[in-house]
């Protein structure tokens, strides 16, 4: 839970500075602990904080060019 919260803070910071964020950006900014499976990263963008706005290819070798979403921060009302 702490690691996931850390990844969400990173994603938020990236989205604020770049305007958008993907899991590629988050992966580039972290070291995945050996005891965690990479699938845990699938939960980074769950919830209402992020809105999907497009697609790109995953850029790590194990992904085999899988399609991943690009997100922006959801506008607060």
PDB file of N, CA and C in Angstrom:
ATOM      1  N   UNK A   1       0.825  -1.198   0.000  1.00  0.00           N
ATOM      2  CA  UNK A   1       0.000   0.000   0.000  1.00  0.00           C
ATOM      3  C   UNK A   1       0.867   1.259   0.000  1.00  0.00           C
ATOM      4  N   UNK A   2       1.955   1.244   0.770  1.00  0.00           N
ATOM      5  CA  UNK A   2       2.844   2.409   0.818  1.00  0.00           C
ATOM      6  C   UNK A   2       3.530   2.627  -0.532  1.00  0.00           C
ATOM      7  N   UNK A   3       3.952   1.528  -1.149  1.00  0.00           N
ATOM      8  CA  UNK A   3       4.624   1.637  -2.441  1.00  0.00           C
ATOM      9  C   UNK A   3       3.666   2.170  -3.500  1.00  0.00           C
ATOM     10  N   UNK A   4       2.443   1.688  -3.480  1.00  0.00           N
ATOM     11  CA  UNK A   4       1.438   2.150  -4.443  1.00  0.00           C
ATOM     12  C   UNK A   4       1.141   3.631  -4.239  1.00  0.00           C
ATOM     13  N   UNK A   5       1.037   4.069  -2.999  1.00  0.00           N
ATOM     14  CA  UNK A   5       0.814   5.492  -2.706  1.00  0.00           C
ATOM     15  C   UNK A   5       1.996   6.320  -3.208  1.00  0.00           C
ATOM     16  N   UNK A   6       3.196   5.795  -3.046  1.00  0.00           N
ATOM     17  CA  UNK A   6       4.404   6.474  -3.543  1.00  0.00           C
ATOM     18  C   UNK A   6       4.334   6.627  -5.069  1.00  0.00           C
ATOM     19  N   UNK A   7       3.945   5.562  -5.752  1.00  0.00           N
ATOM     20  CA  UNK A   7       3.835   5.602  -7.216  1.00  0.00           C
ATOM     21  C   UNK A   7       2.760   6.590  -7.662  1.00  0.00           C
ATOM     22  N   UNK A   8       1.664   6.659  -6.929  1.00  0.00           N
ATOM     23  CA  UNK A   8       0.602   7.620  -7.278  1.00  0.00           C
ATOM     24  C   UNK A   8       1.073   9.058  -7.093  1.00  0.00           C
ATOM     25  N   UNK A   9       1.869   9.319  -6.057  1.00  0.00           N
ATOM     26  CA  UNK A   9       2.419  10.673  -5.870  1.00  0.00           C
ATOM     27  C   UNK A   9       3.341  11.031  -7.033  1.00  0.00           C
ATOM     28  N   UNK A  10       4.158  10.081  -7.455  1.00  0.00           N
ATOM     29  CA  UNK A  10       5.044  10.303  -8.600  1.00  0.00           C
ATOM     30  C   UNK A  10       4.220  10.588  -9.851  1.00  0.00           C
ATOM     31  N   UNK A  11       3.191   9.774 -10.087  1.00  0.00           N
ATOM     32  CA  UNK A  11       2.323   9.967 -11.267  1.00  0.00           C
ATOM     33  C   UNK A  11       1.667  11.338 -11.234  1.00  0.00           C
ATOM     34  N   UNK A  12       1.219  11.750 -10.055  1.00  0.00           N
ATOM     35  CA  UNK A  12       0.588  13.065  -9.912  1.00  0.00           C
ATOM     36  C   UNK A  12       1.578  14.175 -10.232  1.00  0.00           C
ATOM     37  N   UNK A  13       2.781  14.077  -9.692  1.00  0.00           N
ATOM     38  CA  UNK A  13       3.805  15.095  -9.956  1.00  0.00           C
ATOM     39  C   UNK A  13       4.149  15.177 -11.437  1.00  0.00           C
ATOM     40  N   UNK A  14       4.283  14.041 -12.081  1.00  0.00           N
ATOM     41  CA  UNK A  14       4.598  14.015 -13.510  1.00  0.00           C
ATOM     42  C   UNK A  14       3.462  14.635 -14.315  1.00  0.00           C
ATOM     43  N   UNK A  15       2.228  14.258 -13.992  1.00  0.00           N
ATOM     44  CA  UNK A  15       1.072  14.806 -14.720  1.00  0.00           C
ATOM     45  C   UNK A  15       0.993  16.314 -14.545  1.00  0.00           C
ATOM     46  N   UNK A  16       1.302  16.805 -13.349  1.00  0.00           N
ATOM     47  CA  UNK A  16       1.278  18.254 -13.121  1.00  0.00           C
ATOM     48  C   UNK A  16       2.353  18.965 -13.936  1.00  0.00           C
ATOM     49  N   UNK A  17       3.519  18.361 -14.060  1.00  0.00           N
ATOM     50  CA  UNK A  17       4.614  19.030 -14.773  1.00  0.00           C
ATOM     51  C   UNK A  17       4.548  18.850 -16.284  1.00  0.00           C
ATOM     52  N   UNK A  18       4.065  17.700 -16.760  1.00  0.00           N
ATOM     53  CA  UNK A  18       4.040  17.406 -18.201  1.00  0.00           C
ATOM     54  C   UNK A  18       2.659  17.589 -18.830  1.00  0.00           C
ATOM     55  N   UNK A  19       1.616  17.539 -18.009  1.00  0.00           N
ATOM     56  CA  UNK A  19       0.261  17.594 -18.523  1.00  0.00           C
ATOM     57  C   UNK A  19      -0.366  16.231 -18.709  1.00  0.00           C
ATOM     58  N   UNK A  20       0.470  15.190 -18.783  1.00  0.00           N
ATOM     59  CA  UNK A  20      -0.027  13.818 -18.906  1.00  0.00           C
ATOM     60  C   UNK A  20       1.018  12.870 -18.335  1.00  0.00           C
ATOM     61  N   UNK A  21       0.609  11.612 -18.141  1.00  0.00           N
ATOM     62  CA  UNK A  21       1.498  10.617 -17.542  1.00  0.00           C
ATOM     63  C   UNK A  21       1.055   9.229 -17.999  1.00  0.00           C
ATOM     64  N   UNK A  22       2.003   8.339 -18.149  1.00  0.00           N
ATOM     65  CA  UNK A  22       1.702   6.933 -18.420  1.00  0.00           C
ATOM     66  C   UNK A  22       2.516   6.094 -17.444  1.00  0.00           C
ATOM     67  N   UNK A  23       2.250   4.821 -17.431  1.00  0.00           N
ATOM     68  CA  UNK A  23       3.015   3.939 -16.551  1.00  0.00           C
ATOM     69  C   UNK A  23       4.486   3.917 -16.955  1.00  0.00           C
ATOM     70  N   UNK A  24       4.786   4.227 -18.220  1.00  0.00           N
ATOM     71  CA  UNK A  24       6.185   4.327 -18.645  1.00  0.00           C
ATOM     72  C   UNK A  24       6.932   5.378 -17.822  1.00  0.00           C
ATOM     73  N   UNK A  25       6.274   6.511 -17.595  1.00  0.00           N
ATOM     74  CA  UNK A  25       6.886   7.594 -16.823  1.00  0.00           C
ATOM     75  C   UNK A  25       7.120   7.174 -15.378  1.00  0.00           C
ATOM     76  N   UNK A  26       6.137   6.498 -14.810  1.00  0.00           N
ATOM     77  CA  UNK A  26       6.255   6.057 -13.419  1.00  0.00           C
ATOM     78  C   UNK A  26       7.365   5.022 -13.291  1.00  0.00           C
ATOM     79  N   UNK A  27       7.391   4.059 -14.191  1.00  0.00           N
ATOM     80  CA  UNK A  27       8.432   3.010 -14.148  1.00  0.00           C
ATOM     81  C   UNK A  27       9.827   3.618 -14.251  1.00  0.00           C
ATOM     82  N   UNK A  28       9.968   4.675 -15.041  1.00  0.00           N
ATOM     83  CA  UNK A  28      11.275   5.319 -15.199  1.00  0.00           C
ATOM     84  C   UNK A  28      11.717   6.028 -13.926  1.00  0.00           C
ATOM     85  N   UNK A  29      10.772   6.368 -13.060  1.00  0.00           N
ATOM     86  CA  UNK A  29      11.077   7.142 -11.854  1.00  0.00           C
ATOM     87  C   UNK A  29      11.220   6.283 -10.596  1.00  0.00           C
ATOM     88  N   UNK A  30      10.991   4.974 -10.703  1.00  0.00           N
ATOM     89  CA  UNK A  30      11.024   4.121  -9.511  1.00  0.00           C
ATOM     90  C   UNK A  30      11.974   2.949  -9.698  1.00  0.00           C
ATOM     91  N   UNK A  31      12.304   2.327  -8.595  1.00  0.00           N
ATOM     92  CA  UNK A  31      12.952   1.016  -8.580  1.00  0.00           C
ATOM     93  C   UNK A  31      11.933   0.066  -7.975  1.00  0.00           C
ATOM     94  N   UNK A  32      11.452  -0.874  -8.766  1.00  0.00           N
ATOM     95  CA  UNK A  32      10.459  -1.825  -8.288  1.00  0.00           C
ATOM     96  C   UNK A  32      11.122  -2.779  -7.309  1.00  0.00           C
ATOM     97  N   UNK A  33      10.650  -2.820  -6.059  1.00  0.00           N
ATOM     98  CA  UNK A  33      11.241  -3.742  -5.083  1.00  0.00           C
ATOM     99  C   UNK A  33      11.145  -5.189  -5.563  1.00  0.00           C
ATOM    100  N   UNK A  34      12.179  -5.962  -5.311  1.00  0.00           N
ATOM    101  CA  UNK A  34      12.239  -7.344  -5.789  1.00  0.00           C
ATOM    102  C   UNK A  34      11.078  -8.187  -5.288  1.00  0.00           C
ATOM    103  N   UNK A  35      10.554  -7.862  -4.102  1.00  0.00           N
ATOM    104  CA  UNK A  35       9.474  -8.673  -3.535  1.00  0.00           C
ATOM    105  C   UNK A  35       8.104  -8.347  -4.133  1.00  0.00           C
ATOM    106  N   UNK A  36       8.010  -7.313  -4.953  1.00  0.00           N
ATOM    107  CA  UNK A  36       6.739  -6.940  -5.573  1.00  0.00           C
ATOM    108  C   UNK A  36       6.692  -7.382  -7.031  1.00  0.00           C
ATOM    109  N   UNK A  37       5.552  -7.921  -7.415  1.00  0.00           N
ATOM    110  CA  UNK A  37       5.351  -8.305  -8.816  1.00  0.00           C
ATOM    111  C   UNK A  37       5.010  -7.043  -9.607  1.00  0.00           C
ATOM    112  N   UNK A  38       5.510  -6.913 -10.829  1.00  0.00           N
ATOM    113  CA  UNK A  38       5.231  -5.712 -11.636  1.00  0.00           C
ATOM    114  C   UNK A  38       3.745  -5.440 -11.872  1.00  0.00           C
ATOM    115  N   UNK A  39       2.902  -6.445 -11.739  1.00  0.00           N
ATOM    116  CA  UNK A  39       1.478  -6.236 -11.963  1.00  0.00           C
ATOM    117  C   UNK A  39       0.863  -5.286 -10.932  1.00  0.00           C
ATOM    118  N   UNK A  40       1.543  -5.070  -9.813  1.00  0.00           N
ATOM    119  CA  UNK A  40       1.047  -4.123  -8.815  1.00  0.00           C
ATOM    120  C   UNK A  40       0.919  -2.724  -9.417  1.00  0.00           C
ATOM    121  N   UNK A  41       1.726  -2.427 -10.421  1.00  0.00           N
ATOM    122  CA  UNK A  41       1.690  -1.108 -11.054  1.00  0.00           C
ATOM    123  C   UNK A  41       0.388  -0.858 -11.803  1.00  0.00           C
ATOM    124  N   UNK A  42      -0.358  -1.903 -12.077  1.00  0.00           N
ATOM    125  CA  UNK A  42      -1.643  -1.749 -12.751  1.00  0.00           C
ATOM    126  C   UNK A  42      -2.651  -0.954 -11.938  1.00  0.00           C
ATOM    127  N   UNK A  43      -2.422  -0.841 -10.645  1.00  0.00           N
ATOM    128  CA  UNK A  43      -3.363  -0.133  -9.772  1.00  0.00           C
ATOM    129  C   UNK A  43      -3.020   1.343  -9.593  1.00  0.00           C
ATOM    130  N   UNK A  44      -1.928   1.796 -10.154  1.00  0.00           N
ATOM    131  CA  UNK A  44      -1.491   3.181  -9.953  1.00  0.00           C
ATOM    132  C   UNK A  44      -2.571   4.171 -10.379  1.00  0.00           C
ATOM    133  N   UNK A  45      -3.228   3.941 -11.485  1.00  0.00           N
ATOM    134  CA  UNK A  45      -4.179   4.909 -12.032  1.00  0.00           C
ATOM    135  C   UNK A  45      -5.639   4.590 -11.708  1.00  0.00           C
ATOM    136  N   UNK A  46      -5.879   3.640 -10.803  1.00  0.00           N
ATOM    137  CA  UNK A  46      -7.258   3.328 -10.397  1.00  0.00           C
ATOM    138  C   UNK A  46      -7.800   4.454  -9.539  1.00  0.00           C
ATOM    139  N   UNK A  47      -9.086   4.656  -9.629  1.00  0.00           N
ATOM    140  CA  UNK A  47      -9.725   5.704  -8.851  1.00  0.00           C
ATOM    141  C   UNK A  47     -10.105   6.871  -9.738  1.00  0.00           C
ATOM    142  N   UNK A  48     -10.534   7.949  -9.111  1.00  0.00           N
ATOM    143  CA  UNK A  48     -11.062   9.089  -9.861  1.00  0.00           C
ATOM    144  C   UNK A  48     -10.055  10.213 -10.049  1.00  0.00           C
ATOM    145  N   UNK A  49      -8.836  10.036  -9.579  1.00  0.00           N
ATOM    146  CA  UNK A  49      -7.839  11.098  -9.662  1.00  0.00           C
ATOM    147  C   UNK A  49      -7.303  11.290 -11.085  1.00  0.00           C
ATOM    148  N   UNK A  50      -7.311  10.205 -11.873  1.00  0.00           N
ATOM    149  CA  UNK A  50      -6.759  10.245 -13.229  1.00  0.00           C
ATOM    150  C   UNK A  50      -7.832   9.914 -14.255  1.00  0.00           C
ATOM    151  N   UNK A  51      -7.753  10.564 -15.422  1.00  0.00           N
ATOM    152  CA  UNK A  51      -8.663  10.326 -16.535  1.00  0.00           C
ATOM    153  C   UNK A  51      -7.839   9.903 -17.748  1.00  0.00           C
ATOM    154  N   UNK A  52      -8.215   8.791 -18.366  1.00  0.00           N
ATOM    155  CA  UNK A  52      -7.506   8.310 -19.551  1.00  0.00           C
ATOM    156  C   UNK A  52      -7.761   9.251 -20.727  1.00  0.00           C
ATOM    157  N   UNK A  53      -6.681   9.576 -21.458  1.00  0.00           N
ATOM    158  CA  UNK A  53      -6.823  10.496 -22.597  1.00  0.00           C
ATOM    159  C   UNK A  53      -6.219   9.958 -23.887  1.00  0.00           C
ATOM    160  N   UNK A  54      -5.570   8.799 -23.826  1.00  0.00           N
ATOM    161  CA  UNK A  54      -4.958   8.267 -25.036  1.00  0.00           C
ATOM    162  C   UNK A  54      -4.208   6.985 -24.760  1.00  0.00           C
ATOM    163  N   UNK A  55      -3.415   6.571 -25.741  1.00  0.00           N
ATOM    164  CA  UNK A  55      -2.674   5.320 -25.657  1.00  0.00           C
ATOM    165  C   UNK A  55      -1.253   5.509 -26.170  1.00  0.00           C
ATOM    166  N   UNK A  56      -0.359   4.669 -25.683  1.00  0.00           N
ATOM    167  CA  UNK A  56       1.009   4.600 -26.176  1.00  0.00           C
ATOM    168  C   UNK A  56       1.485   3.168 -25.980  1.00  0.00           C
ATOM    169  N   UNK A  57       2.680   2.856 -26.444  1.00  0.00           N
ATOM    170  CA  UNK A  57       3.239   1.520 -26.233  1.00  0.00           C
ATOM    171  C   UNK A  57       4.079   1.514 -24.969  1.00  0.00           C
ATOM    172  N   UNK A  58       3.984   0.424 -24.222  1.00  0.00           N
ATOM    173  CA  UNK A  58       4.871   0.246 -23.074  1.00  0.00           C
ATOM    174  C   UNK A  58       6.293   0.169 -23.602  1.00  0.00           C
ATOM    175  N   UNK A  59       7.229   0.745 -22.859  1.00  0.00           N
ATOM    176  CA  UNK A  59       8.592   0.799 -23.395  1.00  0.00           C
ATOM    177  C   UNK A  59       9.591  -0.088 -22.661  1.00  0.00           C
ATOM    178  N   UNK A  60       9.146  -0.916 -21.718  1.00  0.00           N
ATOM    179  CA  UNK A  60      10.094  -1.853 -21.106  1.00  0.00           C
ATOM    180  C   UNK A  60      10.059  -3.169 -21.875  1.00  0.00           C
ATOM    181  N   UNK A  61      11.183  -3.820 -21.926  1.00  0.00           N
ATOM    182  CA  UNK A  61      11.373  -4.976 -22.790  1.00  0.00           C
ATOM    183  C   UNK A  61      10.352  -6.096 -22.545  1.00  0.00           C
ATOM    184  N   UNK A  62      10.033  -6.358 -21.303  1.00  0.00           N
ATOM    185  CA  UNK A  62       9.125  -7.463 -20.985  1.00  0.00           C
ATOM    186  C   UNK A  62       7.699  -7.210 -21.463  1.00  0.00           C
ATOM    187  N   UNK A  63       7.353  -5.975 -21.784  1.00  0.00           N
ATOM    188  CA  UNK A  63       5.989  -5.646 -22.210  1.00  0.00           C
ATOM    189  C   UNK A  63       5.717  -6.020 -23.658  1.00  0.00           C
ATOM    190  N   UNK A  64       6.759  -6.224 -24.450  1.00  0.00           N
ATOM    191  CA  UNK A  64       6.596  -6.582 -25.864  1.00  0.00           C
ATOM    192  C   UNK A  64       5.692  -5.601 -26.594  1.00  0.00           C
ATOM    193  N   UNK A  65       5.884  -4.303 -26.354  1.00  0.00           N
ATOM    194  CA  UNK A  65       5.152  -3.211 -27.018  1.00  0.00           C
ATOM    195  C   UNK A  65       3.649  -3.239 -26.733  1.00  0.00           C
ATOM    196  N   UNK A  66       3.279  -3.727 -25.571  1.00  0.00           N
ATOM    197  CA  UNK A  66       1.874  -3.721 -25.151  1.00  0.00           C
ATOM    198  C   UNK A  66       1.363  -2.287 -25.114  1.00  0.00           C
ATOM    199  N   UNK A  67       0.090  -2.099 -25.395  1.00  0.00           N
ATOM    200  CA  UNK A  67      -0.522  -0.777 -25.370  1.00  0.00           C
ATOM    201  C   UNK A  67      -0.892  -0.427 -23.929  1.00  0.00           C
ATOM    202  N   UNK A  68      -0.513   0.786 -23.499  1.00  0.00           N
ATOM    203  CA  UNK A  68      -0.864   1.296 -22.173  1.00  0.00           C
ATOM    204  C   UNK A  68      -1.530   2.652 -22.335  1.00  0.00           C
ATOM    205  N   UNK A  69      -2.289   3.034 -21.347  1.00  0.00           N
ATOM    206  CA  UNK A  69      -3.017   4.302 -21.413  1.00  0.00           C
ATOM    207  C   UNK A  69      -2.143   5.479 -21.002  1.00  0.00           C
ATOM    208  N   UNK A  70      -2.520   6.629 -21.504  1.00  0.00           N
ATOM    209  CA  UNK A  70      -1.962   7.916 -21.074  1.00  0.00           C
ATOM    210  C   UNK A  70      -3.067   8.602 -20.282  1.00  0.00           C
ATOM    211  N   UNK A  71      -2.699   9.229 -19.174  1.00  0.00           N
ATOM    212  CA  UNK A  71      -3.674   9.851 -18.285  1.00  0.00           C
ATOM    213  C   UNK A  71      -3.367  11.320 -18.065  1.00  0.00           C
ATOM    214  N   UNK A  72      -4.393  12.050 -17.647  1.00  0.00           N
ATOM    215  CA  UNK A  72      -4.237  13.405 -17.127  1.00  0.00           C
ATOM    216  C   UNK A  72      -4.903  13.421 -15.764  1.00  0.00           C
ATOM    217  N   UNK A  73      -4.601  14.426 -14.989  1.00  0.00           N
ATOM    218  CA  UNK A  73      -5.279  14.573 -13.709  1.00  0.00           C
ATOM    219  C   UNK A  73      -6.723  14.976 -13.977  1.00  0.00           C
ATOM    220  N   UNK A  74      -7.639  14.391 -13.239  1.00  0.00           N
ATOM    221  CA  UNK A  74      -9.040  14.744 -13.356  1.00  0.00           C
ATOM    222  C   UNK A  74      -9.233  16.140 -12.795  1.00  0.00           C
ATOM    223  N   UNK A  75      -9.954  16.956 -13.507  1.00  0.00           N
ATOM    224  CA  UNK A  75     -10.199  18.327 -13.044  1.00  0.00           C
ATOM    225  C   UNK A  75     -11.122  18.305 -11.849  1.00  0.00           C
ATOM    226  N   UNK A  76     -10.738  19.035 -10.826  1.00  0.00           N
ATOM    227  CA  UNK A  76     -11.565  19.124  -9.633  1.00  0.00           C
ATOM    228  C   UNK A  76     -12.673  20.147  -9.866  1.00  0.00           C
ATOM    229  N   UNK A  77     -13.845  19.843  -9.341  1.00  0.00           N
ATOM    230  CA  UNK A  77     -14.998  20.717  -9.554  1.00  0.00           C
ATOM    231  C   UNK A  77     -15.409  21.356  -8.255  1.00  0.00           C
TER     232      UNK A  77
END
